[in-house]
N, C-alpha and C. Protein backbone atom coordinates (compact mmCIF):
# COMPACT_ATOMS: atom_id res chain seq x y z
N MET A 1 99.44 144.59 102.65
CA MET A 1 98.75 143.35 103.22
C MET A 1 98.52 142.76 104.60
N VAL A 2 99.69 143.66 105.51
CA VAL A 2 99.92 143.04 106.69
C VAL A 2 98.56 143.63 107.53
N ASP A 3 97.76 144.80 107.01
CA ASP A 3 97.03 145.44 108.03
C ASP A 3 95.77 144.39 107.77
N PRO A 4 94.74 144.00 106.90
CA PRO A 4 94.07 143.26 107.12
C PRO A 4 94.07 141.99 107.67
N LEU A 5 95.53 141.45 107.58
CA LEU A 5 95.87 139.99 108.14
C LEU A 5 95.70 140.42 110.08
N ASP A 6 96.07 141.67 110.34
CA ASP A 6 96.25 142.13 112.00
C ASP A 6 97.10 140.90 112.62
N PRO A 7 98.27 140.79 111.97
CA PRO A 7 99.12 139.93 113.11
C PRO A 7 99.04 139.93 114.54
N PRO A 8 99.28 139.20 115.32
CA PRO A 8 99.42 139.46 116.97
C PRO A 8 100.86 140.02 117.23
N PRO A 9 100.73 140.97 118.53
CA PRO A 9 102.03 141.63 118.84
C PRO A 9 103.01 140.19 118.89
N GLY A 10 104.26 140.36 119.04
CA GLY A 10 105.24 139.91 118.98
C GLY A 10 105.48 138.71 117.90
N SER A 11 104.68 138.85 116.50
CA SER A 11 104.87 137.94 115.44
C SER A 11 106.10 138.58 114.45
N ALA A 12 106.19 138.04 113.75
CA ALA A 12 107.38 138.55 112.39
C ALA A 12 106.31 138.35 111.28
N VAL A 13 106.63 139.15 110.41
CA VAL A 13 105.92 139.02 109.02
C VAL A 13 106.81 139.03 108.04
N VAL A 14 106.85 138.40 106.69
CA VAL A 14 108.49 137.94 105.94
C VAL A 14 107.88 138.98 104.36
N GLY A 15 108.91 139.84 103.97
CA GLY A 15 108.26 140.51 102.88
C GLY A 15 109.43 140.34 101.55
N ASP A 16 108.97 140.85 100.23
CA ASP A 16 110.19 140.81 99.58
C ASP A 16 110.83 141.97 99.33
N ARG A 17 111.65 142.66 98.70
CA ARG A 17 112.41 143.56 98.49
C ARG A 17 111.51 144.63 98.32
N ASN A 18 110.21 144.81 97.92
CA ASN A 18 109.33 145.79 97.61
C ASN A 18 108.92 146.11 98.88
N TYR A 19 109.13 145.63 99.86
CA TYR A 19 108.33 145.59 101.07
C TYR A 19 109.33 146.39 102.22
N TRP A 20 110.76 146.43 101.67
CA TRP A 20 111.66 146.88 102.79
C TRP A 20 111.29 148.78 102.71
N SER A 21 110.92 149.19 103.62
CA SER A 21 110.63 150.46 104.21
C SER A 21 111.15 150.56 105.65
N PRO A 22 111.77 151.67 105.98
CA PRO A 22 112.08 151.77 107.14
C PRO A 22 110.51 152.45 108.02
N LYS A 23 110.11 153.13 107.53
CA LYS A 23 108.89 153.74 108.01
C LYS A 23 107.65 152.74 107.96
N ALA A 24 107.50 151.58 107.17
CA ALA A 24 106.76 150.42 107.44
C ALA A 24 107.27 149.56 108.33
N ALA A 25 108.33 149.48 108.47
CA ALA A 25 108.86 148.58 109.76
C ALA A 25 108.75 149.19 111.02
N ALA A 26 108.80 150.84 111.26
CA ALA A 26 108.71 151.40 112.07
C ALA A 26 107.30 151.52 112.63
N GLU A 27 106.19 151.46 111.92
CA GLU A 27 104.63 151.38 111.72
C GLU A 27 104.25 150.17 112.64
N LEU A 28 105.06 148.84 111.72
CA LEU A 28 104.94 147.82 112.42
C LEU A 28 105.14 147.32 113.79
N ALA A 29 106.46 147.94 114.27
CA ALA A 29 107.32 147.58 115.61
C ALA A 29 106.27 148.36 116.23
N ASP A 30 105.60 149.46 116.32
CA ASP A 30 104.70 150.23 117.11
C ASP A 30 103.66 149.18 117.66
N ARG A 31 103.48 148.15 116.56
CA ARG A 31 102.10 147.75 116.85
C ARG A 31 102.98 145.97 117.51
N GLY A 32 104.02 146.12 117.26
CA GLY A 32 104.68 144.82 118.06
C GLY A 32 104.98 143.51 117.44
N VAL A 33 104.86 143.98 115.97
CA VAL A 33 105.49 143.13 114.65
C VAL A 33 106.50 143.62 113.98
N LYS A 34 107.30 142.26 113.69
CA LYS A 34 108.62 142.63 113.22
C LYS A 34 108.54 142.35 111.64
N LEU A 35 108.85 143.07 110.92
CA LEU A 35 109.08 143.03 109.37
C LEU A 35 110.29 142.73 108.99
N VAL A 36 110.34 141.80 108.44
CA VAL A 36 111.54 140.82 108.02
C VAL A 36 111.67 140.87 106.68
N ALA A 37 112.56 141.89 105.73
CA ALA A 37 112.56 141.90 104.26
C ALA A 37 114.03 142.45 104.13
N PRO A 38 114.46 141.95 102.79
CA PRO A 38 115.64 141.98 102.34
C PRO A 38 115.90 143.67 101.97
N PHE A 39 116.94 143.91 101.88
CA PHE A 39 117.01 145.44 101.40
C PHE A 39 116.53 145.84 100.23
N ARG A 40 116.16 146.91 99.82
CA ARG A 40 115.14 147.28 98.83
C ARG A 40 116.33 147.16 97.46
N THR A 41 117.51 147.52 97.53
CA THR A 41 118.25 147.61 96.44
C THR A 41 119.60 146.51 96.46
N LYS A 42 119.51 145.62 95.63
CA LYS A 42 120.28 144.40 96.05
C LYS A 42 121.82 144.88 95.76
N SER A 43 122.39 145.67 94.92
CA SER A 43 123.53 146.23 94.96
C SER A 43 123.71 147.09 95.62
N LYS A 44 123.21 147.76 96.58
CA LYS A 44 123.73 148.50 98.03
C LYS A 44 123.50 147.93 99.32
N ASP A 45 122.87 146.58 98.99
CA ASP A 45 122.44 145.72 100.21
C ASP A 45 123.45 145.84 101.51
N PRO A 46 123.51 146.10 102.44
CA PRO A 46 124.63 146.41 103.56
C PRO A 46 124.69 144.77 103.82
N GLY A 47 123.81 143.95 103.84
CA GLY A 47 123.69 142.47 104.44
C GLY A 47 123.16 141.57 103.12
N PRO A 48 124.23 141.24 102.18
CA PRO A 48 123.48 140.40 101.20
C PRO A 48 123.42 138.91 101.58
N ARG A 49 124.25 138.50 102.72
CA ARG A 49 124.02 136.94 103.11
C ARG A 49 122.42 136.68 103.88
N ARG A 50 122.33 138.18 104.72
CA ARG A 50 120.76 138.22 105.24
C ARG A 50 119.87 137.98 104.22
N SER A 51 120.02 139.01 103.04
CA SER A 51 118.91 139.47 102.04
C SER A 51 118.61 137.82 101.23
N ARG A 52 119.90 137.29 101.10
CA ARG A 52 119.93 135.54 100.68
C ARG A 52 119.08 134.82 101.20
N ARG A 53 119.06 134.71 102.86
CA ARG A 53 118.27 134.15 103.56
C ARG A 53 117.25 134.02 103.53
N ILE A 54 116.61 135.59 103.72
CA ILE A 54 115.25 136.15 103.54
C ILE A 54 114.54 135.42 102.20
N SER A 55 115.04 135.57 101.42
CA SER A 55 114.57 135.32 99.93
C SER A 55 114.61 133.68 99.96
N ARG A 56 115.53 133.02 100.41
CA ARG A 56 115.14 131.58 100.03
C ARG A 56 114.04 130.95 101.26
N PHE A 57 113.75 131.80 102.09
CA PHE A 57 112.89 131.34 103.37
C PHE A 57 111.37 131.69 102.56
N ARG A 58 111.39 133.08 101.74
CA ARG A 58 110.29 133.24 101.16
C ARG A 58 109.93 132.73 99.94
N TRP A 59 111.04 132.12 99.25
CA TRP A 59 111.02 131.08 98.02
C TRP A 59 109.92 129.50 98.49
N ILE A 60 110.73 129.21 99.83
CA ILE A 60 109.98 127.94 100.22
C ILE A 60 108.55 128.43 100.48
N ILE A 61 108.10 129.60 101.19
CA ILE A 61 106.78 129.64 101.70
C ILE A 61 105.95 129.79 100.08
N GLU A 62 106.77 130.50 99.12
CA GLU A 62 105.65 130.50 97.66
C GLU A 62 105.57 129.13 97.17
N THR A 63 106.54 128.66 97.28
CA THR A 63 106.30 126.97 96.60
C THR A 63 105.22 126.50 97.25
N ALA A 64 105.24 126.40 98.66
CA ALA A 64 104.19 125.76 99.58
C ALA A 64 102.96 126.50 99.04
N PHE A 65 102.51 127.67 98.94
CA PHE A 65 101.65 128.15 98.72
C PHE A 65 101.12 127.99 97.45
N GLY A 66 102.09 127.77 96.10
CA GLY A 66 101.92 127.51 95.11
C GLY A 66 101.23 126.22 94.77
N GLN A 67 101.72 125.23 95.47
CA GLN A 67 101.55 123.68 95.50
C GLN A 67 100.06 123.56 96.31
N LEU A 68 99.89 124.51 97.31
CA LEU A 68 98.47 124.67 97.80
C LEU A 68 97.43 124.64 96.85
N ALA A 69 97.86 125.57 96.01
CA ALA A 69 96.88 126.48 95.13
C ALA A 69 96.70 125.92 93.79
N GLY A 70 97.97 124.90 93.30
CA GLY A 70 97.78 124.31 91.87
C GLY A 70 97.40 122.66 92.24
N ARG A 71 97.67 122.36 93.19
CA ARG A 71 97.91 120.76 93.33
C ARG A 71 96.42 120.25 94.26
N PHE A 72 96.30 121.19 95.49
CA PHE A 72 95.08 121.06 96.27
C PHE A 72 94.02 122.00 96.02
N HIS A 73 94.01 122.89 94.98
CA HIS A 73 93.06 123.71 94.40
C HIS A 73 92.20 124.31 95.78
N ILE A 74 93.58 124.92 96.68
CA ILE A 74 92.57 125.65 98.18
C ILE A 74 91.81 126.58 97.78
N GLU A 75 92.06 127.50 96.68
CA GLU A 75 91.22 128.74 96.37
C GLU A 75 89.95 128.16 96.45
N ARG A 76 89.32 127.14 95.67
CA ARG A 76 87.99 126.57 95.27
C ARG A 76 87.61 125.50 96.72
N THR A 77 86.69 126.22 97.50
CA THR A 77 86.63 125.14 98.69
C THR A 77 84.74 124.87 98.53
N TRP A 78 84.22 125.76 97.74
CA TRP A 78 82.68 125.81 97.93
C TRP A 78 81.91 125.39 99.07
N ALA A 79 82.46 126.12 100.25
CA ALA A 79 81.94 125.79 101.42
C ALA A 79 80.36 126.82 101.39
N ARG A 80 79.70 126.52 102.35
CA ARG A 80 78.72 127.12 102.68
C ARG A 80 78.53 127.89 103.82
N ASP A 81 79.30 127.50 104.43
CA ASP A 81 79.46 128.36 106.23
C ASP A 81 81.06 128.19 106.53
N VAL A 82 81.32 128.64 107.76
CA VAL A 82 82.66 128.95 108.01
C VAL A 82 83.06 127.68 108.71
N TRP A 83 82.49 126.73 109.27
CA TRP A 83 82.75 125.74 109.79
C TRP A 83 83.05 124.69 108.48
N HIS A 84 82.42 124.34 107.61
CA HIS A 84 82.94 123.19 106.33
C HIS A 84 84.10 124.13 105.79
N LEU A 85 84.08 125.47 105.45
CA LEU A 85 85.32 125.92 104.96
C LEU A 85 86.47 125.70 105.74
N SER A 86 86.67 125.85 107.31
CA SER A 86 87.63 125.71 107.91
C SER A 86 88.17 124.26 107.87
N HIS A 87 87.36 123.20 108.02
CA HIS A 87 87.54 121.84 107.84
C HIS A 87 88.26 121.75 106.31
N ARG A 88 87.71 122.05 105.27
CA ARG A 88 88.40 121.75 103.85
C ARG A 88 89.68 122.39 103.71
N VAL A 89 89.93 123.49 104.23
CA VAL A 89 91.21 124.07 104.35
C VAL A 89 92.26 123.09 105.26
N ILE A 90 91.70 122.79 106.40
CA ILE A 90 92.41 122.05 107.23
C ILE A 90 93.10 120.60 106.64
N ARG A 91 92.07 120.05 105.98
CA ARG A 91 92.16 118.74 105.22
C ARG A 91 93.20 119.11 104.20
N LYS A 92 93.25 120.20 103.17
CA LYS A 92 93.96 120.30 102.25
C LYS A 92 95.45 120.52 102.71
N VAL A 93 95.52 121.50 103.81
CA VAL A 93 96.67 121.76 104.49
C VAL A 93 97.44 120.18 105.19
N LEU A 94 96.74 119.51 105.79
CA LEU A 94 97.03 118.31 106.03
C LEU A 94 97.49 117.22 104.86
N GLY A 95 96.96 117.28 104.31
CA GLY A 95 97.28 116.84 102.76
C GLY A 95 98.77 116.68 102.24
N HIS A 96 98.86 118.37 102.32
CA HIS A 96 100.11 118.82 101.88
C HIS A 96 101.23 118.43 103.03
N THR A 97 101.26 118.40 104.22
CA THR A 97 101.76 118.36 105.46
C THR A 97 102.27 116.62 105.05
N ILE A 98 101.46 115.98 105.07
CA ILE A 98 101.48 114.22 104.93
C ILE A 98 102.68 114.36 103.68
N ALA A 99 102.28 114.96 102.55
CA ALA A 99 103.22 114.84 101.41
C ALA A 99 104.77 114.97 101.32
N VAL A 100 105.01 116.23 102.34
CA VAL A 100 106.16 116.56 102.75
C VAL A 100 106.57 115.59 103.63
N TRP A 101 106.21 115.21 104.49
CA TRP A 101 106.28 114.04 105.44
C TRP A 101 106.87 113.03 105.03
N LEU A 102 105.96 112.47 103.80
CA LEU A 102 106.44 111.20 102.94
C LEU A 102 107.84 111.63 102.22
N ASN A 103 107.93 112.59 101.80
CA ASN A 103 109.36 113.04 101.31
C ASN A 103 110.29 112.97 102.07
N VAL A 104 110.30 113.72 102.91
CA VAL A 104 111.47 113.89 104.11
C VAL A 104 111.81 112.35 104.86
N THR A 105 110.80 111.55 104.81
CA THR A 105 111.19 110.33 105.11
C THR A 105 111.83 109.22 104.17
N ALA A 106 111.34 109.35 103.11
CA ALA A 106 111.97 108.82 102.17
C ALA A 106 113.60 109.43 101.40
N GLY A 107 113.53 110.58 102.21
CA GLY A 107 115.20 111.12 101.81
C GLY A 107 115.22 112.06 100.75
N ARG A 108 113.88 112.59 100.04
CA ARG A 108 113.70 113.44 99.20
C ARG A 108 113.75 114.77 99.43
N PRO A 109 113.62 115.87 98.35
CA PRO A 109 113.45 117.16 98.77
C PRO A 109 111.91 117.12 99.25
N PRO A 110 111.60 117.93 100.37
CA PRO A 110 110.63 118.04 101.04
C PRO A 110 109.10 118.17 99.91
N LEU A 111 109.85 119.47 99.40
CA LEU A 111 108.49 119.88 98.35
C LEU A 111 108.51 119.07 97.04
N ASP A 112 109.22 118.23 96.65
CA ASP A 112 109.49 117.57 95.23
C ASP A 112 108.23 116.34 95.22
N PHE A 113 106.69 116.97 95.23
CA PHE A 113 105.88 115.90 95.03
C PHE A 113 105.55 115.21 93.88
N ASP A 114 106.31 115.80 92.94
CA ASP A 114 106.22 114.67 91.30
C ASP A 114 106.95 113.32 91.94
N GLY A 115 108.06 113.48 92.66
CA GLY A 115 108.97 112.03 92.65
C GLY A 115 107.81 111.22 93.72
N LEU A 116 106.84 111.63 94.25
CA LEU A 116 105.98 111.00 94.83
C LEU A 116 105.18 109.92 94.29
N VAL A 117 104.82 110.58 93.17
CA VAL A 117 103.90 109.64 91.95
C VAL A 117 104.53 108.70 91.06
N THR A 118 106.10 109.24 90.67
CA THR A 118 106.94 108.64 89.76
C THR A 118 107.78 107.96 90.33
N GLY A 119 108.43 108.12 91.14
CA GLY A 119 109.26 107.43 91.85
C GLY A 119 109.39 106.49 93.18
C-alpha cells in the first residue's frame, strides 16, 4: 500500500505485524522512508514494549479512520471535481478534529464521540 501513496523522503509509515519485513524496510529506506512495524511473531519479539507502543498508535489511527468512515461517511462524497472533493474531505476532517477538541476540553477521552451527545 505504500507504493501508491508514494510518501516523501524523510517520512515514516506505520504498519501492523503483517508488514514487518527486513526486505521491505530496506527497500523503503533506500527511498528515504522509515517503516515502523511490530515484530512479526509476538512470542519471539525482541522488543515487546516497542511493539505494544506501535500497536497502540495504530489502534488510535484505525479508530479515527473508522469514525471518519462510520460517522462522517468520508467514503461517499459525490464530488464532481477535485476542488469539491478536497473541500468536502477537509470539512469532514475538520468536523472530526473539532469533536476531538471538544472531548479534550471537557476532560473526556478524545475519541469518545458518543459522550458528546449523551453526556
